[in-house]
C-alpha atoms as a PDB file:
ATOM      1  CA  MET A   1     -53.025 -51.937  35.294  1.00  0.00           C
ATOM      2  CA  GLN A   2     -50.978 -51.752  32.113  1.00  0.00           C
ATOM      3  CA  ARG A   3     -52.971 -50.323  29.220  1.00  0.00           C
ATOM      4  CA  LEU A   4     -53.002 -52.576  26.167  1.00  0.00           C
ATOM      5  CA  HIS A   5     -53.165 -51.579  22.525  1.00  0.00           C
ATOM      6  CA  ILE A   6     -56.507 -52.555  21.015  1.00  0.00           C
ATOM      7  CA  GLU A   7     -58.252 -52.220  17.660  1.00  0.00           C
ATOM      8  CA  ILE A   8     -62.027 -52.310  17.194  1.00  0.00           C
ATOM      9  CA  SER A   9     -64.039 -52.951  14.031  1.00  0.00           C
ATOM     10  CA  GLY A  10     -67.372 -54.339  12.900  1.00  0.00           C
ATOM     11  CA  THR A  11     -70.798 -54.299  14.494  1.00  0.00           C
ATOM     12  CA  GLY A  12     -72.683 -56.662  16.785  1.00  0.00           C
ATOM     13  CA  ASP A  13     -71.923 -58.484  20.034  1.00  0.00           C
ATOM     14  CA  PRO A  14     -68.350 -57.910  21.281  1.00  0.00           C
ATOM     15  CA  LEU A  15     -65.823 -60.575  20.292  1.00  0.00           C
ATOM     16  CA  LEU A  16     -62.308 -60.398  21.751  1.00  0.00           C
ATOM     17  CA  LEU A  17     -59.455 -62.084  19.854  1.00  0.00           C
ATOM     18  CA  ILE A  18     -56.205 -62.825  21.745  1.00  0.00           C
ATOM     19  CA  HIS A  19     -53.024 -63.725  19.831  1.00  0.00           C
ATOM     20  CA  GLY A  20     -50.286 -66.173  20.772  1.00  0.00           C
ATOM     21  CA  MET A  21     -46.774 -65.800  22.169  1.00  0.00           C
ATOM     22  CA  GLY A  22     -44.465 -63.928  19.816  1.00  0.00           C
ATOM     23  CA  SER A  23     -47.420 -62.817  17.732  1.00  0.00           C
ATOM     24  CA  ALA A  24     -49.645 -59.720  17.638  1.00  0.00           C
ATOM     25  CA  SER A  25     -53.136 -58.596  16.711  1.00  0.00           C
ATOM     26  CA  THR A  26     -52.062 -58.713  13.048  1.00  0.00           C
ATOM     27  CA  ALA A  27     -52.399 -62.511  13.315  1.00  0.00           C
ATOM     28  CA  TRP A  28     -56.166 -62.073  12.966  1.00  0.00           C
ATOM     29  CA  LYS A  29     -56.137 -60.289   9.593  1.00  0.00           C
ATOM     30  CA  THR A  30     -57.218 -63.458   7.782  1.00  0.00           C
ATOM     31  CA  ILE A  31     -60.499 -63.782   9.681  1.00  0.00           C
ATOM     32  CA  ARG A  32     -61.287 -60.291  10.949  1.00  0.00           C
ATOM     33  CA  PRO A  33     -63.125 -59.194   7.764  1.00  0.00           C
ATOM     34  CA  LEU A  34     -65.224 -62.377   7.928  1.00  0.00           C
ATOM     35  CA  LEU A  35     -66.294 -61.606  11.506  1.00  0.00           C
ATOM     36  CA  ASN A  36     -67.029 -57.897  11.198  1.00  0.00           C
ATOM     37  CA  SER A  37     -70.598 -58.365   9.955  1.00  0.00           C
ATOM     38  CA  ASP A  38     -71.625 -60.406  13.024  1.00  0.00           C
ATOM     39  CA  PHE A  39     -69.452 -59.006  15.812  1.00  0.00           C
ATOM     40  CA  THR A  40     -67.803 -55.910  17.135  1.00  0.00           C
ATOM     41  CA  VAL A  41     -64.316 -57.384  16.844  1.00  0.00           C
ATOM     42  CA  ILE A  42     -61.719 -56.329  19.419  1.00  0.00           C
ATOM     43  CA  THR A  43     -58.079 -57.362  19.038  1.00  0.00           C
ATOM     44  CA  VAL A  44     -55.552 -56.827  21.790  1.00  0.00           C
ATOM     45  CA  ASP A  45     -51.747 -56.773  21.872  1.00  0.00           C
ATOM     46  CA  LEU A  46     -50.473 -58.515  25.006  1.00  0.00           C
ATOM     47  CA  PRO A  47     -47.595 -56.864  26.944  1.00  0.00           C
ATOM     48  CA  GLY A  48     -44.366 -56.902  24.953  1.00  0.00           C
ATOM     49  CA  HIS A  49     -46.194 -57.813  21.758  1.00  0.00           C
ATOM     50  CA  GLY A  50     -47.356 -55.725  18.834  1.00  0.00           C
ATOM     51  CA  GLN A  51     -47.866 -52.125  19.900  1.00  0.00           C
ATOM     52  CA  THR A  52     -48.023 -52.790  23.655  1.00  0.00           C
ATOM     53  CA  PRO A  53     -44.652 -52.213  25.346  1.00  0.00           C
ATOM     54  CA  PHE A  54     -43.144 -54.604  27.863  1.00  0.00           C
ATOM     55  CA  LEU A  55     -42.724 -53.238  31.380  1.00  0.00           C
ATOM     56  CA  PRO A  56     -39.872 -55.109  33.131  1.00  0.00           C
ATOM     57  CA  GLY A  57     -40.939 -56.872  36.286  1.00  0.00           C
ATOM     58  CA  ARG A  58     -44.587 -57.232  35.378  1.00  0.00           C
ATOM     59  CA  PRO A  59     -46.073 -60.746  35.767  1.00  0.00           C
ATOM     60  CA  MET A  60     -46.491 -62.571  32.457  1.00  0.00           C
ATOM     61  CA  ASP A  61     -48.123 -65.833  33.529  1.00  0.00           C
ATOM     62  CA  PRO A  62     -51.428 -66.633  31.761  1.00  0.00           C
ATOM     63  CA  HIS A  63     -53.596 -65.807  34.784  1.00  0.00           C
ATOM     64  CA  SER A  64     -51.976 -62.397  35.266  1.00  0.00           C
ATOM     65  CA  LEU A  65     -52.344 -61.691  31.553  1.00  0.00           C
ATOM     66  CA  ALA A  66     -56.021 -62.636  31.814  1.00  0.00           C
ATOM     67  CA  LEU A  67     -56.534 -60.091  34.599  1.00  0.00           C
ATOM     68  CA  ASN A  68     -54.738 -57.433  32.549  1.00  0.00           C
ATOM     69  CA  VAL A  69     -57.013 -58.092  29.568  1.00  0.00           C
ATOM     70  CA  PHE A  70     -60.105 -57.932  31.790  1.00  0.00           C
ATOM     71  CA  ASP A  71     -58.941 -54.558  33.113  1.00  0.00           C
ATOM     72  CA  GLU A  72     -58.504 -53.243  29.582  1.00  0.00           C
ATOM     73  CA  MET A  73     -61.936 -54.442  28.520  1.00  0.00           C
ATOM     74  CA  SER A  74     -63.458 -52.741  31.555  1.00  0.00           C
ATOM     75  CA  ALA A  75     -61.592 -49.546  30.692  1.00  0.00           C
ATOM     76  CA  GLN A  76     -63.195 -49.752  27.250  1.00  0.00           C
ATOM     77  CA  GLY A  77     -66.636 -50.128  28.834  1.00  0.00           C
ATOM     78  CA  ILE A  78     -67.032 -53.709  27.579  1.00  0.00           C
ATOM     79  CA  GLU A  79     -68.284 -55.915  30.402  1.00  0.00           C
ATOM     80  CA  ARG A  80     -69.504 -59.086  28.628  1.00  0.00           C
ATOM     81  CA  PHE A  81     -68.076 -60.524  25.437  1.00  0.00           C
ATOM     82  CA  HIS A  82     -67.297 -63.586  23.334  1.00  0.00           C
ATOM     83  CA  LEU A  83     -63.711 -64.849  23.355  1.00  0.00           C
ATOM     84  CA  ALA A  84     -61.372 -66.564  20.904  1.00  0.00           C
ATOM     85  CA  GLY A  85     -57.643 -67.083  21.430  1.00  0.00           C
ATOM     86  CA  ASN A  86     -54.763 -68.836  19.708  1.00  0.00           C
ATOM     87  CA  SER A  87     -51.924 -70.675  21.504  1.00  0.00           C
ATOM     88  CA  LEU A  88     -50.962 -68.600  24.576  1.00  0.00           C
ATOM     89  CA  GLY A  89     -53.989 -66.443  23.798  1.00  0.00           C
ATOM     90  CA  GLY A  90     -56.126 -69.567  24.027  1.00  0.00           C
ATOM     91  CA  TRP A  91     -54.743 -70.307  27.487  1.00  0.00           C
ATOM     92  CA  VAL A  92     -55.356 -66.700  28.548  1.00  0.00           C
ATOM     93  CA  SER A  93     -58.927 -67.078  27.269  1.00  0.00           C
ATOM     94  CA  LEU A  94     -59.411 -70.230  29.354  1.00  0.00           C
ATOM     95  CA  GLU A  95     -58.121 -68.384  32.420  1.00  0.00           C
ATOM     96  CA  MET A  96     -60.522 -65.530  31.749  1.00  0.00           C
ATOM     97  CA  ALA A  97     -63.532 -67.843  31.464  1.00  0.00           C
ATOM     98  CA  SER A  98     -62.635 -69.635  34.695  1.00  0.00           C
ATOM     99  CA  THR A  99     -61.878 -66.434  36.643  1.00  0.00           C
ATOM    100  CA  TYR A 100     -64.894 -64.275  35.788  1.00  0.00           C
ATOM    101  CA  PRO A 101     -67.312 -66.593  33.974  1.00  0.00           C
ATOM    102  CA  ASP A 102     -70.194 -64.115  34.243  1.00  0.00           C
ATOM    103  CA  ARG A 103     -68.361 -61.847  31.808  1.00  0.00           C
ATOM    104  CA  ILE A 104     -67.764 -64.459  29.095  1.00  0.00           C
ATOM    105  CA  LEU A 105     -70.501 -65.285  26.568  1.00  0.00           C
ATOM    106  CA  SER A 106     -68.639 -68.027  24.669  1.00  0.00           C
ATOM    107  CA  LEU A 107     -65.089 -69.305  24.174  1.00  0.00           C
ATOM    108  CA  THR A 108     -63.290 -70.682  21.136  1.00  0.00           C
ATOM    109  CA  GLY A 109     -59.791 -71.991  21.847  1.00  0.00           C
ATOM    110  CA  ILE A 110     -57.725 -72.168  18.644  1.00  0.00           C
ATOM    111  CA  ALA A 111     -54.806 -74.522  19.378  1.00  0.00           C
ATOM    112  CA  PRO A 112     -54.782 -73.307  23.007  1.00  0.00           C
ATOM    113  CA  ALA A 113     -51.718 -73.817  25.174  1.00  0.00           C
ATOM    114  CA  GLY A 114     -51.916 -75.101  28.746  1.00  0.00           C
ATOM    115  CA  LEU A 115     -53.706 -78.382  28.014  1.00  0.00           C
ATOM    116  CA  TRP A 116     -50.979 -80.726  29.157  1.00  0.00           C
ATOM    117  CA  LEU A 117     -50.498 -83.115  32.083  1.00  0.00           C
ATOM    118  CA  ASN A 118     -46.776 -82.459  32.505  1.00  0.00           C
ATOM    119  CA  PRO A 119     -45.918 -78.748  32.487  1.00  0.00           C
ATOM    120  CA  TYR A 120     -42.778 -77.509  30.772  1.00  0.00           C
ATOM    121  CA  ASN A 121     -39.879 -76.921  33.150  1.00  0.00           C
ATOM    122  CA  ALA A 122     -37.641 -75.206  30.571  1.00  0.00           C
ATOM    123  CA  ARG A 123     -38.058 -73.179  27.404  1.00  0.00           C
ATOM    124  CA  TYR A 124     -38.717 -75.281  24.328  1.00  0.00           C
ATOM    125  CA  PRO A 125     -35.611 -75.062  22.066  1.00  0.00           C
ATOM    126  CA  GLY A 126     -37.521 -74.884  18.780  1.00  0.00           C
ATOM    127  CA  THR A 127     -39.360 -71.718  19.737  1.00  0.00           C
ATOM    128  CA  ALA A 128     -36.122 -70.094  20.864  1.00  0.00           C
ATOM    129  CA  ILE A 129     -34.771 -70.668  17.350  1.00  0.00           C
ATOM    130  CA  ALA A 130     -37.849 -69.027  15.830  1.00  0.00           C
ATOM    131  CA  ARG A 131     -37.364 -65.927  17.972  1.00  0.00           C
ATOM    132  CA  PHE A 132     -33.633 -65.790  17.175  1.00  0.00           C
ATOM    133  CA  LEU A 133     -34.189 -66.036  13.423  1.00  0.00           C
ATOM    134  CA  ALA A 134     -36.891 -63.385  13.394  1.00  0.00           C
ATOM    135  CA  ARG A 135     -34.980 -60.973  15.592  1.00  0.00           C
ATOM    136  CA  TYR A 136     -31.757 -61.081  13.606  1.00  0.00           C
ATOM    137  CA  THR A 137     -33.155 -61.308  10.089  1.00  0.00           C
ATOM    138  CA  TYR A 138     -36.183 -59.010  10.222  1.00  0.00           C
ATOM    139  CA  LYS A 139     -34.425 -56.226   8.294  1.00  0.00           C
ATOM    140  CA  LEU A 140     -34.044 -58.652   5.396  1.00  0.00           C
ATOM    141  CA  ALA A 141     -37.573 -60.027   5.700  1.00  0.00           C
ATOM    142  CA  PRO A 142     -39.381 -57.610   3.334  1.00  0.00           C
ATOM    143  CA  THR A 143     -37.149 -58.803   0.499  1.00  0.00           C
ATOM    144  CA  ALA A 144     -36.369 -62.367   1.569  1.00  0.00           C
ATOM    145  CA  LEU A 145     -39.987 -63.421   2.078  1.00  0.00           C
ATOM    146  CA  HIS A 146     -40.648 -63.045  -1.618  1.00  0.00           C
ATOM    147  CA  PHE A 147     -38.621 -66.277  -1.969  1.00  0.00           C
ATOM    148  CA  GLU A 148     -39.913 -69.729  -1.106  1.00  0.00           C
ATOM    149  CA  LYS A 149     -36.781 -70.806   0.774  1.00  0.00           C
ATOM    150  CA  ALA A 150     -37.140 -67.943   3.240  1.00  0.00           C
ATOM    151  CA  ARG A 151     -40.832 -68.669   3.795  1.00  0.00           C
ATOM    152  CA  ALA A 152     -40.012 -72.345   4.329  1.00  0.00           C
ATOM    153  CA  LEU A 153     -37.408 -71.454   6.943  1.00  0.00           C
ATOM    154  CA  GLY A 154     -39.893 -69.427   8.922  1.00  0.00           C
ATOM    155  CA  PHE A 155     -43.149 -71.314   8.443  1.00  0.00           C
ATOM    156  CA  PHE A 156     -42.489 -74.981   7.616  1.00  0.00           C
ATOM    157  CA  ASP A 157     -42.986 -75.938  11.270  1.00  0.00           C
ATOM    158  CA  VAL A 158     -46.047 -73.716  11.618  1.00  0.00           C
ATOM    159  CA  SER A 159     -48.215 -75.325   8.975  1.00  0.00           C
ATOM    160  CA  PRO A 160     -48.184 -77.994   6.260  1.00  0.00           C
ATOM    161  CA  ARG A 161     -49.857 -75.332   4.088  1.00  0.00           C
ATOM    162  CA  TRP A 162     -47.095 -72.758   4.443  1.00  0.00           C
ATOM    163  CA  ARG A 163     -46.731 -72.498   0.653  1.00  0.00           C
ATOM    164  CA  ASP A 164     -50.245 -71.028   0.516  1.00  0.00           C
ATOM    165  CA  PHE A 165     -49.506 -68.262   3.021  1.00  0.00           C
ATOM    166  CA  SER A 166     -49.591 -64.768   1.578  1.00  0.00           C
ATOM    167  CA  TYR A 167     -46.569 -62.503   1.583  1.00  0.00           C
ATOM    168  CA  GLU A 168     -48.404 -60.121   3.946  1.00  0.00           C
ATOM    169  CA  LEU A 169     -49.173 -62.880   6.438  1.00  0.00           C
ATOM    170  CA  CYS A 170     -45.553 -64.043   6.496  1.00  0.00           C
ATOM    171  CA  LEU A 171     -44.187 -60.512   6.839  1.00  0.00           C
ATOM    172  CA  ASP A 172     -46.625 -59.591   9.620  1.00  0.00           C
ATOM    173  CA  ALA A 173     -45.776 -62.750  11.555  1.00  0.00           C
ATOM    174  CA  THR A 174     -42.022 -62.263  11.148  1.00  0.00           C
ATOM    175  CA  LEU A 175     -42.114 -58.637  12.269  1.00  0.00           C
ATOM    176  CA  ALA A 176     -44.365 -59.513  15.215  1.00  0.00           C
ATOM    177  CA  MET A 177     -41.935 -62.181  16.396  1.00  0.00           C
ATOM    178  CA  ALA A 178     -38.918 -59.919  15.869  1.00  0.00           C
ATOM    179  CA  GLY A 179     -40.453 -57.146  17.957  1.00  0.00           C
ATOM    180  CA  ALA A 180     -41.876 -59.322  20.731  1.00  0.00           C
ATOM    181  CA  SER A 181     -39.875 -58.169  23.748  1.00  0.00           C
ATOM    182  CA  GLY A 182     -42.370 -60.051  25.914  1.00  0.00           C
ATOM    183  CA  TYR A 183     -41.667 -63.368  24.223  1.00  0.00           C
ATOM    184  CA  TYR A 184     -39.259 -64.888  26.747  1.00  0.00           C
ATOM    185  CA  PRO A 185     -41.053 -63.395  29.787  1.00  0.00           C
ATOM    186  CA  ALA A 186     -44.257 -65.014  28.498  1.00  0.00           C
ATOM    187  CA  TRP A 187     -42.408 -68.321  28.052  1.00  0.00           C
ATOM    188  CA  ASP A 188     -41.104 -68.130  31.610  1.00  0.00           C
ATOM    189  CA  GLY A 189     -44.608 -67.282  32.812  1.00  0.00           C
ATOM    190  CA  MET A 190     -45.881 -70.619  31.476  1.00  0.00           C
ATOM    191  CA  LEU A 191     -43.186 -72.785  33.064  1.00  0.00           C
ATOM    192  CA  MET A 192     -44.325 -75.285  35.684  1.00  0.00           C
ATOM    193  CA  LYS A 193     -47.958 -74.401  34.987  1.00  0.00           C
ATOM    194  CA  ARG A 194     -50.950 -75.739  33.116  1.00  0.00           C
ATOM    195  CA  PHE A 195     -54.574 -74.711  32.875  1.00  0.00           C
ATOM    196  CA  ASP A 196     -56.250 -76.014  36.021  1.00  0.00           C
ATOM    197  CA  GLY A 197     -59.363 -73.870  36.242  1.00  0.00           C
ATOM    198  CA  THR A 198     -63.034 -74.776  35.954  1.00  0.00           C
ATOM    199  CA  ILE A 199     -65.349 -73.293  33.344  1.00  0.00           C
ATOM    200  CA  PRO A 200     -69.092 -73.638  33.938  1.00  0.00           C
ATOM    201  CA  GLU A 201     -71.240 -75.434  31.376  1.00  0.00           C
ATOM    202  CA  SER A 202     -73.223 -72.222  30.887  1.00  0.00           C
ATOM    203  CA  ILE A 203     -70.335 -70.970  28.714  1.00  0.00           C
ATOM    204  CA  PRO A 204     -70.238 -72.690  25.296  1.00  0.00           C
ATOM    205  CA  VAL A 205     -66.680 -73.855  24.585  1.00  0.00           C
ATOM    206  CA  THR A 206     -65.143 -75.085  21.340  1.00  0.00           C
ATOM    207  CA  ILE A 207     -61.521 -76.201  21.038  1.00  0.00           C
ATOM    208  CA  ILE A 208     -59.863 -76.437  17.631  1.00  0.00           C
ATOM    209  CA  PHE A 209     -56.557 -78.143  16.841  1.00  0.00           C
ATOM    210  CA  GLY A 210     -54.820 -79.011  13.611  1.00  0.00           C
ATOM    211  CA  ASP A 211     -53.788 -82.605  13.022  1.00  0.00           C
ATOM    212  CA  THR A 212     -50.271 -81.408  12.097  1.00  0.00           C
ATOM    213  CA  ASP A 213     -49.608 -79.083  15.036  1.00  0.00           C
ATOM    214  CA  ARG A 214     -45.875 -79.377  15.653  1.00  0.00           C
ATOM    215  CA  THR A 215     -45.866 -76.645  18.298  1.00  0.00           C
ATOM    216  CA  LEU A 216     -48.464 -78.255  20.581  1.00  0.00           C
ATOM    217  CA  PRO A 217     -48.633 -81.878  19.391  1.00  0.00           C
ATOM    218  CA  ALA A 218     -51.510 -84.186  20.254  1.00  0.00           C
ATOM    219  CA  THR A 219     -49.223 -86.625  22.083  1.00  0.00           C
ATOM    220  CA  THR A 220     -48.336 -84.140  24.847  1.00  0.00           C
ATOM    221  CA  CYS A 221     -50.304 -80.895  24.567  1.00  0.00           C
ATOM    222  CA  GLN A 222     -53.912 -81.721  23.720  1.00  0.00           C
ATOM    223  CA  GLU A 223     -55.057 -83.432  26.919  1.00  0.00           C
ATOM    224  CA  ARG A 224     -58.855 -83.448  26.940  1.00  0.00           C
ATOM    225  CA  SER A 225     -59.073 -84.208  30.649  1.00  0.00           C
ATOM    226  CA  VAL A 226     -57.524 -80.794  31.376  1.00  0.00           C
ATOM    227  CA  ALA A 227     -60.020 -78.940  29.173  1.00  0.00           C
ATOM    228  CA  PRO A 228     -63.603 -78.103  30.155  1.00  0.00           C
ATOM    229  CA  THR A 229     -65.557 -81.355  30.181  1.00  0.00           C
ATOM    230  CA  HIS A 230     -68.354 -79.917  28.037  1.00  0.00           C
ATOM    231  CA  ALA A 231     -66.045 -78.515  25.347  1.00  0.00           C
ATOM    232  CA  LYS A 232     -66.674 -79.446  21.728  1.00  0.00           C
ATOM    233  CA  TRP A 233     -63.453 -80.598  20.032  1.00  0.00           C
ATOM    234  CA  ILE A 234     -62.717 -80.053  16.351  1.00  0.00           C
ATOM    235  CA  ILE A 235     -59.615 -81.449  14.621  1.00  0.00           C
ATOM    236  CA  HIS A 236     -58.819 -79.845  11.269  1.00  0.00           C
ATOM    237  CA  PRO A 237     -56.999 -82.041   8.726  1.00  0.00           C
ATOM    238  CA  ASN A 238     -53.756 -80.921   7.094  1.00  0.00           C
ATOM    239  CA  THR A 239     -53.596 -78.017   9.545  1.00  0.00           C
ATOM    240  CA  GLY A 240     -50.875 -76.638  11.800  1.00  0.00           C
ATOM    241  CA  HIS A 241     -50.659 -74.437  14.873  1.00  0.00           C
ATOM    242  CA  ALA A 242     -52.608 -71.480  13.440  1.00  0.00           C
ATOM    243  CA  PRO A 243     -55.879 -72.924  12.088  1.00  0.00           C
ATOM    244  CA  MET A 244     -57.187 -69.399  11.393  1.00  0.00           C
ATOM    245  CA  TRP A 245     -54.456 -69.143   8.735  1.00  0.00           C
ATOM    246  CA  ASP A 246     -54.995 -72.606   7.278  1.00  0.00           C
ATOM    247  CA  ASN A 247     -58.800 -72.751   7.439  1.00  0.00           C
ATOM    248  CA  PRO A 248     -60.131 -69.220   7.984  1.00  0.00           C
ATOM    249  CA  ILE A 249     -63.690 -69.956   6.842  1.00  0.00           C
ATOM    250  CA  ASP A 250     -64.004 -73.045   9.048  1.00  0.00           C
ATOM    251  CA  VAL A 251     -62.589 -71.227  12.070  1.00  0.00           C
ATOM    252  CA  VAL A 252     -64.993 -68.325  11.570  1.00  0.00           C
ATOM    253  CA  ASP A 253     -67.855 -70.804  11.275  1.00  0.00           C
ATOM    254  CA  ALA A 254     -66.823 -72.433  14.579  1.00  0.00           C
ATOM    255  CA  ILE A 255     -66.594 -69.062  16.352  1.00  0.00           C
ATOM    256  CA  LYS A 256     -70.058 -68.092  15.093  1.00  0.00           C
ATOM    257  CA  LYS A 257     -71.639 -71.404  16.052  1.00  0.00           C
ATOM    258  CA  THR A 258     -70.054 -71.319  19.501  1.00  0.00           C
ATOM    259  CA  ALA A 259     -71.415 -67.800  19.933  1.00  0.00           C
ATOM    260  CA  GLY A 260     -74.875 -68.965  18.883  1.00  0.00           C
ATOM    261  CA  LYS A 261     -74.861 -67.133  15.560  1.00  0.00           C
END
């Protein structure tokens, strides 16, 4: 088992938050303070992301990542918990709920990956550009992100509300992408795969997408027949691929309701 970097805050039932590909636990800063009064919030850095190093040769497919996260939660003495994940983290969350359902109390998928009929057979060019830009411009980011043109370059495709993003959010996201040595291994781990597990109806499931998600568009990547049949679907208007950035209060409300709060 590879140990994963985690951070714990708040009080209440355990809630695990799993970030997306090329991101890190810093992605949850917008909603963590809003969850701390109802949950013991645990954030995790996946291998090669944030403060967790990448070990060459380790499997990076969503199911293997799910097992790694389970091992870390067990090492922390946390056996049963609520789950919420964004993008790749959403797919990992789905894998977790289908693999050991007795350990999952509820699941909120925030623009989860893996819900497609036709799996990707090659890396998506647009995301390769995002990684390239972050990796080779991150030294300039602390200064450049004070300017609208730089923020547009990095976040126009992420959200129609990119102008409202704080400087801290943009800097955290840029540095996370720049340092994500596990980015391409995670991409390769998704190729020729989709979520094909079964999640029992005893686990409440909510799936949230933005109506302007350019990363996982509705036409190809939001296939309801692949998701749990009992899942509640929420579509946020004027929202991109990170609804917890665009609509933090609404996302927190959905997580709480799914968890029975």
